[in-house]
């Protein structure tokens, strides 16, 4: 099951560093899988779906430019309470991409959902600071 989920996380490899930044320990991964199974919300981890994605080329290597520095000002918004990716990996991604990190206190992995006002303030503040005056 861990290998199957690893492949599915590879789908997210379209997002830079995602496969490498998955932070779950074996114990956390086992707990996450049990919760996913109990919730019924993760039917996408079925062997059929994984094999279909593989046939269509979605489970291959990440894009070659996935670890390049971003050519524009960038922000990486992260929840300080997230146990999915982890602070060292967030900071590593920001360093590679040349992105500014904005930590949101009291938020976990889904910052935009858990702290929408703080998320919006971080995004609008970033755009305001990054946009040249007319």
Foldseek 3Di string as FASTA:
>chain_A
DVVLVLLVQLLVLLAAPSSVQFQDDPVRVVVVVVVCVVVVVPPCSDPVNSVVCVVVPSRDHHDPCSQAAAPAAAEDEAEPAERGRDDVRSVVSCVSNVYHYDYDYPDYGCCCVRPVVVVVCVVVVSCVVRDDDD
